[in-house]
Amino acid sequence: MTNGRHLKMLYFELQDIMDAQEETLGCQEAPDLFFPEDHSQKQIRDNAVEAAKSLCKKCPIQLECLTYAVQAKEEWGIWGGKTPRERQVKR
């Protein structure tokens, strides 16, 4: 299986897990909050990161989200309560 196909399958699996949730997830309610790098002002970015992480802590699929982001090497956004820098795998 090609890497692109594998990543697409991982993403669809995460979407299926999200869809199976009875409650709306924080990232579905406020998706812009999870991409703080879009904000030009540092204070707004910092506040968005903290707010997104707070929502992630309460999320029932935080681990699945983080696993996807690490495997997919997502370069942007808060996934599973971690920033891109925090998700980098140390080798």
N, C-alpha and C. Protein backbone atom coordinates (compact mmCIF):
# COMPACT_ATOMS: atom_id res chain seq x y z
N MET A 1 0.84 -1.17 0.00
CA MET A 1 0.00 0.00 0.00
C MET A 1 0.89 1.24 0.00
N THR A 2 0.56 2.19 -0.85
CA THR A 2 1.35 3.41 -0.90
C THR A 2 1.13 4.23 0.36
N ASN A 3 2.11 5.06 0.68
CA ASN A 3 2.01 5.89 1.87
C ASN A 3 0.79 6.81 1.80
N GLY A 4 0.53 7.40 0.65
CA GLY A 4 -0.62 8.28 0.48
C GLY A 4 -1.93 7.55 0.74
N ARG A 5 -2.04 6.35 0.23
CA ARG A 5 -3.25 5.56 0.44
C ARG A 5 -3.40 5.19 1.91
N HIS A 6 -2.28 4.85 2.55
CA HIS A 6 -2.30 4.50 3.98
C HIS A 6 -2.77 5.69 4.81
N LEU A 7 -2.25 6.88 4.52
CA LEU A 7 -2.64 8.07 5.26
C LEU A 7 -4.11 8.40 5.05
N LYS A 8 -4.59 8.20 3.83
CA LYS A 8 -6.00 8.45 3.55
C LYS A 8 -6.87 7.49 4.35
N MET A 9 -6.46 6.23 4.44
CA MET A 9 -7.21 5.26 5.22
C MET A 9 -7.22 5.63 6.71
N LEU A 10 -6.06 6.08 7.22
CA LEU A 10 -5.99 6.51 8.62
C LEU A 10 -6.95 7.67 8.87
N TYR A 11 -7.00 8.61 7.94
CA TYR A 11 -7.87 9.77 8.10
C TYR A 11 -9.34 9.33 8.09
N PHE A 12 -9.70 8.44 7.17
CA PHE A 12 -11.08 7.98 7.12
C PHE A 12 -11.45 7.18 8.37
N GLU A 13 -10.50 6.43 8.91
CA GLU A 13 -10.75 5.71 10.16
C GLU A 13 -11.02 6.70 11.30
N LEU A 14 -10.24 7.77 11.36
CA LEU A 14 -10.45 8.79 12.39
C LEU A 14 -11.82 9.44 12.20
N GLN A 15 -12.19 9.72 10.96
CA GLN A 15 -13.51 10.31 10.69
C GLN A 15 -14.63 9.36 11.15
N ASP A 16 -14.47 8.08 10.91
CA ASP A 16 -15.48 7.10 11.36
C ASP A 16 -15.60 7.10 12.88
N ILE A 17 -14.47 7.19 13.57
CA ILE A 17 -14.48 7.23 15.04
C ILE A 17 -15.18 8.51 15.50
N MET A 18 -14.90 9.62 14.84
CA MET A 18 -15.54 10.88 15.19
C MET A 18 -17.05 10.81 14.97
N ASP A 19 -17.44 10.24 13.85
CA ASP A 19 -18.87 10.15 13.52
C ASP A 19 -19.62 9.25 14.49
N ALA A 20 -18.93 8.29 15.08
CA ALA A 20 -19.57 7.35 16.00
C ALA A 20 -19.82 7.96 17.38
N GLN A 21 -19.26 9.11 17.65
CA GLN A 21 -19.43 9.75 18.95
C GLN A 21 -20.85 10.30 19.09
N GLU A 22 -21.40 10.16 20.28
CA GLU A 22 -22.76 10.64 20.52
C GLU A 22 -22.80 12.16 20.65
N GLU A 23 -21.73 12.75 21.14
CA GLU A 23 -21.68 14.19 21.33
C GLU A 23 -20.80 14.83 20.26
N THR A 24 -21.06 16.09 19.97
CA THR A 24 -20.22 16.84 19.06
C THR A 24 -18.89 17.12 19.76
N LEU A 25 -17.80 16.90 19.08
CA LEU A 25 -16.47 17.10 19.64
C LEU A 25 -16.07 18.57 19.53
N GLY A 26 -15.16 18.98 20.41
CA GLY A 26 -14.70 20.37 20.43
C GLY A 26 -14.16 20.84 19.09
N CYS A 27 -13.43 19.97 18.41
CA CYS A 27 -12.85 20.34 17.12
C CYS A 27 -13.92 20.51 16.05
N GLN A 28 -15.07 19.89 16.26
CA GLN A 28 -16.18 20.05 15.32
C GLN A 28 -16.95 21.33 15.61
N GLU A 29 -17.00 21.72 16.87
CA GLU A 29 -17.72 22.93 17.25
C GLU A 29 -16.95 24.20 16.90
N ALA A 30 -15.63 24.16 17.05
CA ALA A 30 -14.80 25.35 16.82
C ALA A 30 -13.54 24.97 16.06
N PRO A 31 -13.67 24.55 14.81
CA PRO A 31 -12.49 24.07 14.07
C PRO A 31 -11.37 25.09 13.92
N ASP A 32 -11.72 26.37 13.79
CA ASP A 32 -10.68 27.40 13.62
C ASP A 32 -9.77 27.50 14.83
N LEU A 33 -10.29 27.18 16.00
CA LEU A 33 -9.52 27.22 17.23
C LEU A 33 -8.33 26.26 17.17
N PHE A 34 -8.47 25.19 16.42
CA PHE A 34 -7.46 24.14 16.37
C PHE A 34 -6.36 24.41 15.34
N PHE A 35 -6.43 25.55 14.69
CA PHE A 35 -5.39 25.96 13.75
C PHE A 35 -4.93 27.37 14.11
N PRO A 36 -4.29 27.50 15.28
CA PRO A 36 -3.91 28.82 15.79
C PRO A 36 -2.87 29.52 14.95
N GLU A 37 -2.12 28.80 14.14
CA GLU A 37 -1.10 29.45 13.33
C GLU A 37 -1.71 30.39 12.30
N ASP A 38 -3.03 30.31 12.10
CA ASP A 38 -3.70 31.21 11.18
C ASP A 38 -3.85 32.62 11.76
N HIS A 39 -3.66 32.77 13.07
CA HIS A 39 -3.80 34.08 13.71
C HIS A 39 -2.47 34.83 13.66
N SER A 40 -2.53 36.09 13.31
CA SER A 40 -1.30 36.86 13.17
C SER A 40 -0.77 37.38 14.51
N GLN A 41 -1.64 37.56 15.50
CA GLN A 41 -1.21 38.10 16.79
C GLN A 41 -0.84 36.97 17.75
N LYS A 42 0.34 37.08 18.35
CA LYS A 42 0.85 36.04 19.23
C LYS A 42 -0.10 35.74 20.39
N GLN A 43 -0.66 36.76 21.01
CA GLN A 43 -1.55 36.54 22.16
C GLN A 43 -2.78 35.74 21.75
N ILE A 44 -3.32 36.03 20.58
CA ILE A 44 -4.49 35.29 20.08
C ILE A 44 -4.09 33.85 19.80
N ARG A 45 -2.92 33.65 19.19
CA ARG A 45 -2.43 32.28 18.92
C ARG A 45 -2.28 31.51 20.21
N ASP A 46 -1.62 32.13 21.19
CA ASP A 46 -1.38 31.45 22.47
C ASP A 46 -2.70 31.09 23.16
N ASN A 47 -3.66 32.00 23.13
CA ASN A 47 -4.96 31.73 23.74
C ASN A 47 -5.68 30.59 23.01
N ALA A 48 -5.58 30.58 21.69
CA ALA A 48 -6.22 29.53 20.90
C ALA A 48 -5.59 28.17 21.20
N VAL A 49 -4.28 28.12 21.33
CA VAL A 49 -3.59 26.86 21.65
C VAL A 49 -4.08 26.33 22.99
N GLU A 50 -4.12 27.19 23.99
CA GLU A 50 -4.56 26.76 25.32
C GLU A 50 -6.01 26.31 25.32
N ALA A 51 -6.86 27.04 24.60
CA ALA A 51 -8.28 26.67 24.54
C ALA A 51 -8.46 25.33 23.82
N ALA A 52 -7.74 25.14 22.72
CA ALA A 52 -7.83 23.88 21.98
C ALA A 52 -7.34 22.71 22.83
N LYS A 53 -6.21 22.89 23.50
CA LYS A 53 -5.68 21.83 24.35
C LYS A 53 -6.65 21.49 25.48
N SER A 54 -7.32 22.49 26.01
CA SER A 54 -8.30 22.27 27.07
C SER A 54 -9.46 21.41 26.57
N LEU A 55 -9.92 21.69 25.36
CA LEU A 55 -10.98 20.87 24.77
C LEU A 55 -10.50 19.45 24.49
N CYS A 56 -9.27 19.32 24.05
CA CYS A 56 -8.71 17.99 23.76
C CYS A 56 -8.65 17.13 25.03
N LYS A 57 -8.33 17.75 26.16
CA LYS A 57 -8.24 16.99 27.41
C LYS A 57 -9.55 16.30 27.76
N LYS A 58 -10.66 16.87 27.33
CA LYS A 58 -11.98 16.33 27.63
C LYS A 58 -12.50 15.38 26.54
N CYS A 59 -11.76 15.26 25.47
CA CYS A 59 -12.23 14.53 24.29
C CYS A 59 -12.06 13.01 24.47
N PRO A 60 -13.10 12.25 24.16
CA PRO A 60 -13.02 10.80 24.31
C PRO A 60 -12.15 10.11 23.26
N ILE A 61 -11.79 10.82 22.21
CA ILE A 61 -10.94 10.20 21.18
C ILE A 61 -9.60 10.90 21.03
N GLN A 62 -9.13 11.51 22.10
CA GLN A 62 -7.87 12.25 22.06
C GLN A 62 -6.72 11.37 21.58
N LEU A 63 -6.62 10.17 22.09
CA LEU A 63 -5.51 9.29 21.72
C LEU A 63 -5.56 8.90 20.24
N GLU A 64 -6.74 8.60 19.74
CA GLU A 64 -6.87 8.25 18.33
C GLU A 64 -6.49 9.42 17.42
N CYS A 65 -6.89 10.61 17.84
CA CYS A 65 -6.57 11.82 17.09
C CYS A 65 -5.06 12.06 17.06
N LEU A 66 -4.44 11.94 18.22
CA LEU A 66 -3.00 12.14 18.31
C LEU A 66 -2.25 11.08 17.50
N THR A 67 -2.70 9.85 17.59
CA THR A 67 -2.06 8.76 16.83
C THR A 67 -2.11 9.05 15.34
N TYR A 68 -3.27 9.49 14.85
CA TYR A 68 -3.39 9.84 13.44
C TYR A 68 -2.40 10.94 13.08
N ALA A 69 -2.38 12.01 13.87
CA ALA A 69 -1.54 13.17 13.55
C ALA A 69 -0.06 12.81 13.51
N VAL A 70 0.38 11.97 14.44
CA VAL A 70 1.79 11.56 14.46
C VAL A 70 2.09 10.70 13.24
N GLN A 71 1.24 9.73 12.94
CA GLN A 71 1.48 8.85 11.79
C GLN A 71 1.42 9.61 10.48
N ALA A 72 0.50 10.58 10.40
CA ALA A 72 0.34 11.35 9.17
C ALA A 72 1.34 12.50 9.07
N LYS A 73 2.08 12.73 10.16
CA LYS A 73 3.04 13.84 10.21
C LYS A 73 2.36 15.17 9.89
N GLU A 74 1.20 15.37 10.52
CA GLU A 74 0.47 16.63 10.34
C GLU A 74 1.37 17.80 10.75
N GLU A 75 1.51 18.76 9.87
CA GLU A 75 2.40 19.89 10.11
C GLU A 75 1.69 21.07 10.75
N TRP A 76 0.38 21.07 10.79
CA TRP A 76 -0.38 22.22 11.25
C TRP A 76 -1.44 21.79 12.25
N GLY A 77 -1.81 22.70 13.11
CA GLY A 77 -2.95 22.50 13.98
C GLY A 77 -2.66 21.74 15.27
N ILE A 78 -3.67 21.77 16.13
CA ILE A 78 -3.64 21.03 17.39
C ILE A 78 -4.38 19.73 17.14
N TRP A 79 -3.70 18.63 17.35
CA TRP A 79 -4.28 17.30 17.18
C TRP A 79 -3.99 16.51 18.45
N GLY A 80 -5.02 15.94 19.04
CA GLY A 80 -4.81 15.14 20.24
C GLY A 80 -4.19 15.92 21.38
N GLY A 81 -4.40 17.23 21.39
CA GLY A 81 -3.88 18.05 22.47
C GLY A 81 -2.42 18.45 22.33
N LYS A 82 -1.85 18.25 21.16
CA LYS A 82 -0.43 18.56 20.94
C LYS A 82 -0.25 19.48 19.74
N THR A 83 0.72 20.37 19.86
CA THR A 83 1.10 21.25 18.76
C THR A 83 1.99 20.46 17.79
N PRO A 84 2.24 21.00 16.59
CA PRO A 84 3.14 20.31 15.67
C PRO A 84 4.52 20.01 16.29
N ARG A 85 5.06 20.97 17.01
CA ARG A 85 6.38 20.77 17.65
C ARG A 85 6.30 19.64 18.69
N GLU A 86 5.24 19.62 19.47
CA GLU A 86 5.08 18.59 20.50
C GLU A 86 4.88 17.20 19.91
N ARG A 87 4.37 17.15 18.68
CA ARG A 87 4.12 15.86 18.03
C ARG A 87 5.34 15.29 17.33
N GLN A 88 6.36 16.07 17.16
CA GLN A 88 7.54 15.59 16.46
C GLN A 88 8.15 14.41 17.19
N VAL A 89 8.41 13.38 16.44
CA VAL A 89 9.02 12.17 17.01
C VAL A 89 10.51 12.37 17.07
N LYS A 90 11.06 12.21 18.25
CA LYS A 90 12.51 12.34 18.44
C LYS A 90 13.20 11.06 17.97
N ARG A 91 14.22 11.21 17.20
CA ARG A 91 14.97 10.04 16.70
C ARG A 91 16.40 10.13 17.13
